[in-house]
Amino acid sequence: MRLRYTLPLVLPLLLSACGDSYTPVDVYMAKTPDCASWQDGSRFELPRGISVSTTPPVTLPDGGAEFTFVYLVPRGQRALFLSREFAVSTPQGPVIAKPELVSFYQRTTNSPAEIVEVIPKVPDMLIAGATGEETIWRVRLRVKQKLPDRFDVTPPAFEIALTKYPMRTFTYRFFPDRKVYGLCS
């Protein structure tokens, strides 16, 4: 008889232990106010093995830049974009530019790099293909206007398994010694 009264109290605790345990790490990339340290790349882990990573952008002659973001989605997983907007902003401030989409494509990790499916716009959802362990979703963005010496780029947030998750804000600055924009922390 005692079990009948205890089970309703314990069952929610047991079920909650079965879910994903996830705490986002370093949602804002810059660790110092001056953001002076060059970073070769940055990877942000999301639940269920999904991740987004980037490397320093290609600096354009007119002061703009081209950015590449790579999403990895393991087989059987999906991530729904909460918007289709990538935003360039002043450090933790207002949006100053909306990058134009150059390309968005996918391929599984076991497919040759030449076999890709190009998508003309940011899709609603990233879904893993069934033929590989992971599907690579690669997006290239371009900002033609001159960018400030320091700025942030924030990809759209995700909904994964009915839960909304924030996205990392990647921080960039101009490195005069290299004469290019780069990731910084």
N, C-alpha and C. Protein backbone atom coordinates (compact mmCIF):
# COMPACT_ATOMS: atom_id res chain seq x y z
N MET A 1 0.82 -1.18 0.00
CA MET A 1 0.00 0.00 0.00
C MET A 1 0.87 1.26 0.00
N ARG A 2 1.97 1.22 0.68
CA ARG A 2 2.85 2.37 0.78
C ARG A 2 3.42 2.75 -0.59
N LEU A 3 3.74 1.79 -1.43
CA LEU A 3 4.27 2.03 -2.75
C LEU A 3 3.27 2.83 -3.60
N ARG A 4 2.02 2.59 -3.44
CA ARG A 4 0.99 3.28 -4.21
C ARG A 4 1.04 4.79 -3.95
N TYR A 5 1.39 5.21 -2.77
CA TYR A 5 1.45 6.64 -2.45
C TYR A 5 2.80 7.24 -2.79
N THR A 6 3.86 6.46 -2.75
CA THR A 6 5.21 6.95 -3.02
C THR A 6 5.48 7.09 -4.51
N LEU A 7 4.96 6.18 -5.30
CA LEU A 7 5.23 6.17 -6.73
C LEU A 7 4.83 7.49 -7.42
N PRO A 8 3.66 8.07 -7.17
CA PRO A 8 3.34 9.35 -7.82
C PRO A 8 4.30 10.47 -7.47
N LEU A 9 4.91 10.41 -6.30
CA LEU A 9 5.86 11.45 -5.92
C LEU A 9 7.23 11.24 -6.53
N VAL A 10 7.64 10.00 -6.69
CA VAL A 10 8.97 9.67 -7.18
C VAL A 10 9.01 9.61 -8.71
N LEU A 11 7.92 9.22 -9.35
CA LEU A 11 7.90 9.04 -10.79
C LEU A 11 8.34 10.28 -11.56
N PRO A 12 7.86 11.49 -11.25
CA PRO A 12 8.33 12.67 -11.99
C PRO A 12 9.85 12.88 -11.86
N LEU A 13 10.41 12.58 -10.71
CA LEU A 13 11.86 12.72 -10.53
C LEU A 13 12.61 11.71 -11.39
N LEU A 14 12.11 10.49 -11.45
CA LEU A 14 12.76 9.46 -12.26
C LEU A 14 12.68 9.81 -13.73
N LEU A 15 11.54 10.30 -14.19
CA LEU A 15 11.38 10.66 -15.59
C LEU A 15 12.24 11.86 -15.97
N SER A 16 12.38 12.81 -15.07
CA SER A 16 13.20 13.97 -15.39
C SER A 16 14.67 13.59 -15.52
N ALA A 17 15.09 12.55 -14.85
CA ALA A 17 16.47 12.08 -14.93
C ALA A 17 16.76 11.44 -16.29
N CYS A 18 15.72 11.07 -17.03
CA CYS A 18 15.90 10.43 -18.33
C CYS A 18 16.14 11.44 -19.45
N GLY A 19 15.86 12.70 -19.24
CA GLY A 19 15.97 13.72 -20.29
C GLY A 19 17.41 14.16 -20.49
N ASP A 20 17.59 15.04 -21.49
CA ASP A 20 18.92 15.59 -21.77
C ASP A 20 19.34 16.52 -20.65
N SER A 21 20.57 16.39 -20.21
CA SER A 21 21.13 17.31 -19.24
C SER A 21 22.07 18.21 -20.02
N TYR A 22 21.72 19.48 -20.17
CA TYR A 22 22.51 20.39 -20.99
C TYR A 22 22.55 21.75 -20.35
N THR A 23 23.74 22.29 -20.23
CA THR A 23 23.95 23.66 -19.79
C THR A 23 24.86 24.31 -20.82
N PRO A 24 24.38 25.37 -21.51
CA PRO A 24 25.24 26.00 -22.52
C PRO A 24 26.50 26.59 -21.88
N VAL A 25 27.60 26.44 -22.58
CA VAL A 25 28.88 26.93 -22.10
C VAL A 25 29.31 28.11 -22.97
N ASP A 26 29.68 29.19 -22.34
CA ASP A 26 30.20 30.36 -23.05
C ASP A 26 29.31 30.79 -24.21
N VAL A 27 28.09 31.19 -23.91
CA VAL A 27 27.17 31.65 -24.94
C VAL A 27 27.73 32.91 -25.62
N TYR A 28 28.43 33.75 -24.86
CA TYR A 28 29.10 34.90 -25.46
C TYR A 28 30.59 34.57 -25.53
N MET A 29 31.14 34.57 -26.74
CA MET A 29 32.51 34.08 -26.95
C MET A 29 33.59 34.92 -26.27
N ALA A 30 33.48 36.25 -26.32
CA ALA A 30 34.52 37.12 -25.76
C ALA A 30 34.64 36.92 -24.26
N LYS A 31 35.84 36.66 -23.81
CA LYS A 31 36.08 36.44 -22.39
C LYS A 31 36.68 37.67 -21.71
N THR A 32 37.23 38.59 -22.51
CA THR A 32 37.84 39.80 -21.96
C THR A 32 37.26 41.03 -22.67
N PRO A 33 37.27 42.18 -22.02
CA PRO A 33 36.71 43.39 -22.65
C PRO A 33 37.43 43.80 -23.94
N ASP A 34 38.76 43.60 -24.01
CA ASP A 34 39.48 44.01 -25.22
C ASP A 34 39.48 42.94 -26.31
N CYS A 35 39.15 41.70 -25.95
CA CYS A 35 39.04 40.61 -26.93
C CYS A 35 40.29 40.57 -27.82
N ALA A 36 41.45 40.53 -27.20
CA ALA A 36 42.71 40.69 -27.94
C ALA A 36 43.33 39.38 -28.43
N SER A 37 42.86 38.24 -27.96
CA SER A 37 43.49 36.95 -28.32
C SER A 37 42.87 36.36 -29.58
N TRP A 38 43.73 36.09 -30.57
CA TRP A 38 43.31 35.45 -31.82
C TRP A 38 42.86 34.02 -31.53
N GLN A 39 41.78 33.59 -32.17
CA GLN A 39 41.29 32.22 -32.05
C GLN A 39 41.22 31.60 -33.44
N ASP A 40 41.80 30.40 -33.59
CA ASP A 40 41.78 29.72 -34.89
C ASP A 40 40.40 29.18 -35.23
N GLY A 41 39.57 28.98 -34.23
CA GLY A 41 38.23 28.48 -34.46
C GLY A 41 37.43 28.48 -33.18
N SER A 42 36.14 28.23 -33.32
CA SER A 42 35.26 28.17 -32.16
C SER A 42 34.17 27.15 -32.45
N ARG A 43 33.90 26.29 -31.46
CA ARG A 43 32.87 25.26 -31.59
C ARG A 43 31.92 25.39 -30.41
N PHE A 44 30.62 25.38 -30.70
CA PHE A 44 29.59 25.48 -29.68
C PHE A 44 28.77 24.21 -29.70
N GLU A 45 28.78 23.50 -28.57
CA GLU A 45 28.07 22.23 -28.45
C GLU A 45 26.64 22.48 -28.00
N LEU A 46 25.72 21.78 -28.65
CA LEU A 46 24.31 21.80 -28.30
C LEU A 46 23.90 20.40 -27.87
N PRO A 47 22.69 20.22 -27.37
CA PRO A 47 22.27 18.88 -26.96
C PRO A 47 22.22 17.89 -28.14
N ARG A 48 22.22 16.61 -27.78
CA ARG A 48 22.05 15.50 -28.73
C ARG A 48 23.16 15.43 -29.76
N GLY A 49 24.36 15.93 -29.41
CA GLY A 49 25.51 15.84 -30.30
C GLY A 49 25.54 16.85 -31.42
N ILE A 50 24.61 17.79 -31.45
CA ILE A 50 24.57 18.82 -32.48
C ILE A 50 25.57 19.92 -32.12
N SER A 51 26.26 20.46 -33.11
CA SER A 51 27.23 21.53 -32.83
C SER A 51 27.29 22.50 -34.00
N VAL A 52 27.82 23.68 -33.71
CA VAL A 52 28.11 24.68 -34.74
C VAL A 52 29.53 25.18 -34.50
N SER A 53 30.28 25.31 -35.58
CA SER A 53 31.65 25.80 -35.44
C SER A 53 31.94 26.80 -36.56
N THR A 54 32.98 27.59 -36.33
CA THR A 54 33.39 28.57 -37.32
C THR A 54 34.89 28.82 -37.19
N THR A 55 35.44 29.43 -38.22
CA THR A 55 36.85 29.82 -38.24
C THR A 55 36.89 31.31 -38.59
N PRO A 56 38.07 31.93 -38.57
CA PRO A 56 38.13 33.35 -38.93
C PRO A 56 37.55 33.59 -40.33
N PRO A 57 36.90 34.73 -40.54
CA PRO A 57 36.30 35.01 -41.83
C PRO A 57 37.34 35.40 -42.88
N VAL A 58 36.90 35.44 -44.11
CA VAL A 58 37.72 35.98 -45.19
C VAL A 58 37.44 37.48 -45.22
N THR A 59 38.48 38.28 -45.05
CA THR A 59 38.32 39.74 -45.07
C THR A 59 38.28 40.20 -46.52
N LEU A 60 37.25 40.95 -46.86
CA LEU A 60 37.08 41.46 -48.22
C LEU A 60 37.82 42.78 -48.38
N PRO A 61 38.26 43.13 -49.61
CA PRO A 61 39.03 44.36 -49.83
C PRO A 61 38.31 45.63 -49.39
N ASP A 62 36.98 45.67 -49.47
CA ASP A 62 36.23 46.88 -49.11
C ASP A 62 35.93 46.99 -47.62
N GLY A 63 36.46 46.06 -46.81
CA GLY A 63 36.25 46.12 -45.36
C GLY A 63 35.15 45.21 -44.86
N GLY A 64 34.50 44.49 -45.75
CA GLY A 64 33.49 43.51 -45.35
C GLY A 64 34.15 42.17 -45.07
N ALA A 65 33.34 41.13 -44.96
CA ALA A 65 33.89 39.81 -44.66
C ALA A 65 32.92 38.71 -45.09
N GLU A 66 33.47 37.52 -45.34
CA GLU A 66 32.69 36.32 -45.61
C GLU A 66 32.89 35.35 -44.46
N PHE A 67 31.80 34.85 -43.93
CA PHE A 67 31.81 33.97 -42.77
C PHE A 67 31.35 32.57 -43.17
N THR A 68 31.91 31.56 -42.56
CA THR A 68 31.47 30.18 -42.78
C THR A 68 31.12 29.57 -41.43
N PHE A 69 29.92 29.01 -41.34
CA PHE A 69 29.49 28.28 -40.15
C PHE A 69 29.21 26.84 -40.57
N VAL A 70 29.68 25.90 -39.77
CA VAL A 70 29.48 24.48 -40.05
C VAL A 70 28.69 23.86 -38.91
N TYR A 71 27.55 23.30 -39.26
CA TYR A 71 26.70 22.60 -38.30
C TYR A 71 26.89 21.11 -38.51
N LEU A 72 27.05 20.35 -37.42
CA LEU A 72 27.09 18.89 -37.48
C LEU A 72 25.85 18.36 -36.78
N VAL A 73 25.12 17.50 -37.48
CA VAL A 73 23.90 16.91 -36.94
C VAL A 73 24.04 15.39 -37.04
N PRO A 74 24.09 14.68 -35.89
CA PRO A 74 24.22 13.22 -35.92
C PRO A 74 22.98 12.54 -36.50
N ARG A 75 23.19 11.35 -37.03
CA ARG A 75 22.09 10.57 -37.60
C ARG A 75 20.93 10.46 -36.60
N GLY A 76 19.72 10.67 -37.10
CA GLY A 76 18.52 10.56 -36.27
C GLY A 76 18.14 11.84 -35.54
N GLN A 77 18.95 12.90 -35.68
CA GLN A 77 18.67 14.15 -34.97
C GLN A 77 18.19 15.23 -35.94
N ARG A 78 17.59 16.25 -35.37
CA ARG A 78 17.14 17.41 -36.15
C ARG A 78 17.14 18.64 -35.26
N ALA A 79 17.28 19.79 -35.89
CA ALA A 79 17.27 21.06 -35.17
C ALA A 79 16.47 22.07 -35.98
N LEU A 80 15.50 22.68 -35.35
CA LEU A 80 14.62 23.66 -36.00
C LEU A 80 15.14 25.07 -35.72
N PHE A 81 15.39 25.84 -36.79
CA PHE A 81 15.80 27.23 -36.61
C PHE A 81 14.62 28.02 -36.04
N LEU A 82 14.86 28.85 -35.05
CA LEU A 82 13.81 29.70 -34.49
C LEU A 82 13.60 30.95 -35.34
N SER A 83 14.58 31.29 -36.18
CA SER A 83 14.44 32.34 -37.18
C SER A 83 15.40 31.96 -38.30
N ARG A 84 15.44 32.74 -39.34
CA ARG A 84 16.37 32.49 -40.44
C ARG A 84 17.40 33.60 -40.54
N GLU A 85 17.50 34.41 -39.49
CA GLU A 85 18.36 35.59 -39.51
C GLU A 85 19.68 35.36 -38.77
N PHE A 86 20.76 35.63 -39.46
CA PHE A 86 22.08 35.74 -38.85
C PHE A 86 22.27 37.23 -38.64
N ALA A 87 22.76 37.64 -37.49
CA ALA A 87 22.86 39.07 -37.19
C ALA A 87 24.30 39.46 -36.89
N VAL A 88 24.72 40.58 -37.46
CA VAL A 88 26.01 41.19 -37.13
C VAL A 88 25.67 42.41 -36.29
N SER A 89 26.31 42.50 -35.11
CA SER A 89 25.99 43.59 -34.19
C SER A 89 27.25 44.18 -33.59
N THR A 90 27.09 45.36 -32.98
CA THR A 90 28.19 45.91 -32.19
C THR A 90 28.33 44.98 -30.98
N PRO A 91 29.46 44.99 -30.27
CA PRO A 91 29.63 44.08 -29.14
C PRO A 91 28.46 44.15 -28.15
N GLN A 92 27.72 43.06 -28.08
CA GLN A 92 26.54 42.93 -27.21
C GLN A 92 25.58 44.10 -27.39
N GLY A 93 25.52 44.63 -28.62
CA GLY A 93 24.69 45.80 -28.88
C GLY A 93 23.72 45.59 -30.04
N PRO A 94 23.32 46.69 -30.66
CA PRO A 94 22.32 46.61 -31.73
C PRO A 94 22.88 46.00 -33.02
N VAL A 95 21.96 45.48 -33.82
CA VAL A 95 22.31 44.89 -35.12
C VAL A 95 22.76 46.01 -36.06
N ILE A 96 23.88 45.77 -36.75
CA ILE A 96 24.41 46.76 -37.70
C ILE A 96 24.37 46.23 -39.14
N ALA A 97 24.19 44.91 -39.30
CA ALA A 97 24.13 44.34 -40.65
C ALA A 97 23.45 42.97 -40.60
N LYS A 98 22.78 42.66 -41.70
CA LYS A 98 22.21 41.32 -41.90
C LYS A 98 22.97 40.71 -43.07
N PRO A 99 23.78 39.69 -42.81
CA PRO A 99 24.59 39.12 -43.90
C PRO A 99 23.71 38.51 -45.00
N GLU A 100 24.22 38.57 -46.23
CA GLU A 100 23.52 37.91 -47.33
C GLU A 100 24.02 36.46 -47.42
N LEU A 101 23.13 35.58 -47.80
CA LEU A 101 23.47 34.16 -47.93
C LEU A 101 24.22 33.95 -49.24
N VAL A 102 25.42 33.39 -49.16
CA VAL A 102 26.20 33.06 -50.35
C VAL A 102 25.87 31.63 -50.76
N SER A 103 25.93 30.70 -49.80
CA SER A 103 25.58 29.30 -50.08
C SER A 103 25.21 28.59 -48.79
N PHE A 104 24.40 27.56 -48.93
CA PHE A 104 24.00 26.71 -47.81
C PHE A 104 23.89 25.31 -48.40
N TYR A 105 24.73 24.41 -47.93
CA TYR A 105 24.64 23.06 -48.49
C TYR A 105 24.82 22.02 -47.41
N GLN A 106 24.47 20.79 -47.79
CA GLN A 106 24.59 19.66 -46.87
C GLN A 106 25.24 18.48 -47.58
N ARG A 107 25.87 17.64 -46.78
CA ARG A 107 26.36 16.34 -47.23
C ARG A 107 26.63 15.50 -45.99
N THR A 108 26.59 14.20 -46.13
CA THR A 108 26.93 13.35 -45.00
C THR A 108 28.44 13.27 -44.91
N THR A 109 28.94 12.91 -43.74
CA THR A 109 30.39 12.89 -43.53
C THR A 109 31.07 11.80 -44.34
N ASN A 110 30.32 10.80 -44.78
CA ASN A 110 30.96 9.74 -45.58
C ASN A 110 30.77 9.96 -47.09
N SER A 111 30.18 11.10 -47.49
CA SER A 111 30.02 11.43 -48.92
C SER A 111 31.23 12.23 -49.39
N PRO A 112 31.61 12.06 -50.66
CA PRO A 112 32.68 12.90 -51.20
C PRO A 112 32.27 14.37 -51.15
N ALA A 113 33.23 15.26 -50.96
CA ALA A 113 32.95 16.70 -50.85
C ALA A 113 32.30 17.26 -52.10
N GLU A 114 32.46 16.59 -53.24
CA GLU A 114 31.87 17.08 -54.48
C GLU A 114 30.37 16.82 -54.55
N ILE A 115 29.86 15.90 -53.75
CA ILE A 115 28.45 15.55 -53.79
C ILE A 115 27.73 16.31 -52.67
N VAL A 116 27.22 17.47 -53.02
CA VAL A 116 26.53 18.31 -52.05
C VAL A 116 25.19 18.74 -52.63
N GLU A 117 24.27 19.07 -51.76
CA GLU A 117 22.97 19.59 -52.16
C GLU A 117 22.91 21.05 -51.72
N VAL A 118 22.91 21.96 -52.71
CA VAL A 118 22.89 23.38 -52.40
C VAL A 118 21.45 23.82 -52.19
N ILE A 119 21.23 24.61 -51.15
CA ILE A 119 19.90 25.09 -50.79
C ILE A 119 19.89 26.60 -51.02
N PRO A 120 18.85 27.15 -51.66
CA PRO A 120 18.85 28.58 -52.01
C PRO A 120 18.58 29.54 -50.86
N LYS A 121 18.16 29.04 -49.71
CA LYS A 121 17.88 29.90 -48.56
C LYS A 121 18.16 29.13 -47.27
N VAL A 122 18.14 29.83 -46.16
CA VAL A 122 18.32 29.15 -44.87
C VAL A 122 17.08 28.28 -44.66
N PRO A 123 17.26 26.97 -44.46
CA PRO A 123 16.11 26.08 -44.30
C PRO A 123 15.43 26.27 -42.94
N ASP A 124 14.23 25.73 -42.82
CA ASP A 124 13.52 25.78 -41.54
C ASP A 124 14.20 24.89 -40.50
N MET A 125 14.74 23.76 -40.97
CA MET A 125 15.25 22.75 -40.05
C MET A 125 16.47 22.06 -40.65
N LEU A 126 17.41 21.68 -39.78
CA LEU A 126 18.54 20.87 -40.20
C LEU A 126 18.24 19.43 -39.76
N ILE A 127 18.24 18.52 -40.73
CA ILE A 127 17.94 17.12 -40.45
C ILE A 127 19.12 16.30 -40.92
N ALA A 128 19.51 15.32 -40.11
CA ALA A 128 20.61 14.45 -40.48
C ALA A 128 20.18 13.48 -41.57
N GLY A 129 21.08 13.23 -42.51
CA GLY A 129 20.82 12.23 -43.54
C GLY A 129 20.95 10.83 -42.97
N ALA A 130 20.37 9.87 -43.63
CA ALA A 130 20.37 8.50 -43.12
C ALA A 130 21.60 7.70 -43.56
N THR A 131 22.38 8.23 -44.50
CA THR A 131 23.47 7.45 -45.06
C THR A 131 24.82 7.65 -44.38
N GLY A 132 24.91 8.56 -43.43
CA GLY A 132 26.18 8.81 -42.74
C GLY A 132 25.97 8.97 -41.25
N GLU A 133 27.06 8.90 -40.51
CA GLU A 133 26.97 9.07 -39.05
C GLU A 133 26.56 10.49 -38.68
N GLU A 134 27.04 11.45 -39.46
CA GLU A 134 26.70 12.86 -39.24
C GLU A 134 26.44 13.52 -40.58
N THR A 135 25.65 14.57 -40.55
CA THR A 135 25.43 15.38 -41.74
C THR A 135 26.05 16.75 -41.48
N ILE A 136 26.84 17.20 -42.44
CA ILE A 136 27.46 18.52 -42.37
C ILE A 136 26.55 19.49 -43.10
N TRP A 137 26.19 20.56 -42.41
CA TRP A 137 25.44 21.67 -43.02
C TRP A 137 26.38 22.86 -42.98
N ARG A 138 26.73 23.37 -44.15
CA ARG A 138 27.71 24.46 -44.23
C ARG A 138 27.06 25.70 -44.83
N VAL A 139 27.16 26.81 -44.12
CA VAL A 139 26.58 28.07 -44.59
C VAL A 139 27.69 29.11 -44.76
N ARG A 140 27.65 29.81 -45.89
CA ARG A 140 28.56 30.93 -46.15
C ARG A 140 27.75 32.19 -46.24
N LEU A 141 28.19 33.20 -45.52
CA LEU A 141 27.50 34.49 -45.46
C LEU A 141 28.46 35.60 -45.85
N ARG A 142 27.92 36.70 -46.39
CA ARG A 142 28.78 37.81 -46.78
C ARG A 142 28.18 39.12 -46.28
N VAL A 143 29.06 39.96 -45.74
CA VAL A 143 28.70 41.34 -45.41
C VAL A 143 29.60 42.20 -46.27
N LYS A 144 28.99 42.97 -47.20
CA LYS A 144 29.77 43.78 -48.13
C LYS A 144 30.22 45.11 -47.52
N GLN A 145 29.41 45.64 -46.59
CA GLN A 145 29.75 46.95 -46.01
C GLN A 145 30.95 46.84 -45.08
N LYS A 146 31.62 47.97 -44.90
CA LYS A 146 32.77 48.01 -44.00
C LYS A 146 32.31 47.71 -42.58
N LEU A 147 33.01 46.81 -41.94
CA LEU A 147 32.67 46.42 -40.57
C LEU A 147 33.53 47.20 -39.58
N PRO A 148 33.04 47.38 -38.36
CA PRO A 148 33.84 48.07 -37.34
C PRO A 148 35.02 47.21 -36.89
N ASP A 149 35.89 47.80 -36.06
CA ASP A 149 37.06 47.06 -35.59
C ASP A 149 36.69 45.86 -34.72
N ARG A 150 35.53 45.91 -34.08
CA ARG A 150 35.07 44.77 -33.28
C ARG A 150 33.56 44.62 -33.45
N PHE A 151 33.11 43.37 -33.57
CA PHE A 151 31.68 43.11 -33.76
C PHE A 151 31.37 41.66 -33.40
N ASP A 152 30.09 41.37 -33.33
CA ASP A 152 29.60 40.02 -33.01
C ASP A 152 28.78 39.49 -34.18
N VAL A 153 28.77 38.17 -34.33
CA VAL A 153 27.87 37.50 -35.27
C VAL A 153 27.11 36.43 -34.48
N THR A 154 25.78 36.51 -34.57
CA THR A 154 24.94 35.54 -33.85
C THR A 154 24.07 34.79 -34.85
N PRO A 155 24.31 33.47 -34.97
CA PRO A 155 23.42 32.65 -35.81
C PRO A 155 22.06 32.49 -35.13
N PRO A 156 21.04 32.06 -35.86
CA PRO A 156 19.73 31.86 -35.24
C PRO A 156 19.76 30.76 -34.19
N ALA A 157 18.94 30.92 -33.16
CA ALA A 157 18.84 29.91 -32.10
C ALA A 157 18.08 28.70 -32.64
N PHE A 158 18.12 27.60 -31.87
CA PHE A 158 17.51 26.34 -32.28
C PHE A 158 16.43 25.89 -31.32
N GLU A 159 15.53 25.08 -31.84
CA GLU A 159 14.65 24.25 -31.03
C GLU A 159 15.06 22.81 -31.33
N ILE A 160 15.44 22.10 -30.27
CA ILE A 160 15.86 20.70 -30.41
C ILE A 160 15.00 19.88 -29.46
N ALA A 161 14.30 18.90 -29.99
CA ALA A 161 13.43 18.03 -29.19
C ALA A 161 12.46 18.85 -28.33
N LEU A 162 11.82 19.84 -28.95
CA LEU A 162 10.79 20.69 -28.35
C LEU A 162 11.29 21.64 -27.26
N THR A 163 12.60 21.81 -27.16
CA THR A 163 13.18 22.75 -26.20
C THR A 163 13.99 23.78 -26.96
N LYS A 164 13.84 25.06 -26.60
CA LYS A 164 14.57 26.15 -27.24
C LYS A 164 15.93 26.33 -26.58
N TYR A 165 16.95 26.50 -27.41
CA TYR A 165 18.32 26.67 -26.92
C TYR A 165 18.93 27.93 -27.51
N PRO A 166 19.69 28.69 -26.70
CA PRO A 166 20.36 29.87 -27.23
C PRO A 166 21.52 29.45 -28.12
N MET A 167 21.97 30.38 -28.94
CA MET A 167 23.11 30.13 -29.80
C MET A 167 24.26 31.01 -29.33
N ARG A 168 25.46 30.53 -29.55
CA ARG A 168 26.63 31.33 -29.19
C ARG A 168 26.69 32.58 -30.04
N THR A 169 27.12 33.67 -29.42
CA THR A 169 27.46 34.89 -30.15
C THR A 169 28.97 34.83 -30.37
N PHE A 170 29.37 34.74 -31.63
CA PHE A 170 30.79 34.65 -31.99
C PHE A 170 31.34 36.07 -32.11
N THR A 171 32.51 36.30 -31.53
CA THR A 171 33.10 37.63 -31.44
C THR A 171 34.30 37.75 -32.40
N TYR A 172 34.34 38.87 -33.11
CA TYR A 172 35.39 39.13 -34.09
C TYR A 172 35.99 40.51 -33.86
N ARG A 173 37.24 40.66 -34.31
CA ARG A 173 37.86 41.98 -34.31
C ARG A 173 38.88 42.05 -35.42
N PHE A 174 39.27 43.26 -35.75
CA PHE A 174 40.31 43.45 -36.76
C PHE A 174 41.66 43.35 -36.07
N PHE A 175 42.54 42.53 -36.64
CA PHE A 175 43.89 42.38 -36.11
C PHE A 175 44.84 43.11 -37.06
N PRO A 176 45.30 44.33 -36.66
CA PRO A 176 46.13 45.15 -37.56
C PRO A 176 47.41 44.45 -38.00
N ASP A 177 48.03 43.66 -37.11
CA ASP A 177 49.27 42.98 -37.48
C ASP A 177 49.05 41.94 -38.59
N ARG A 178 47.88 41.36 -38.67
CA ARG A 178 47.56 40.38 -39.71
C ARG A 178 46.79 41.01 -40.88
N LYS A 179 46.27 42.21 -40.65
CA LYS A 179 45.47 42.95 -41.64
C LYS A 179 44.21 42.20 -42.05
N VAL A 180 43.60 41.49 -41.08
CA VAL A 180 42.37 40.73 -41.33
C VAL A 180 41.49 40.72 -40.08
N TYR A 181 40.22 40.39 -40.29
CA TYR A 181 39.32 40.12 -39.17
C TYR A 181 39.57 38.70 -38.69
N GLY A 182 39.40 38.50 -37.39
CA GLY A 182 39.56 37.17 -36.84
C GLY A 182 38.67 36.97 -35.64
N LEU A 183 38.48 35.72 -35.27
CA LEU A 183 37.77 35.41 -34.02
C LEU A 183 38.64 35.84 -32.86
N CYS A 184 38.02 36.30 -31.80
CA CYS A 184 38.82 36.73 -30.65
C CYS A 184 38.13 36.31 -29.35
N SER A 185 38.94 36.24 -28.29
CA SER A 185 38.37 35.95 -26.96
C SER A 185 39.08 36.78 -25.91
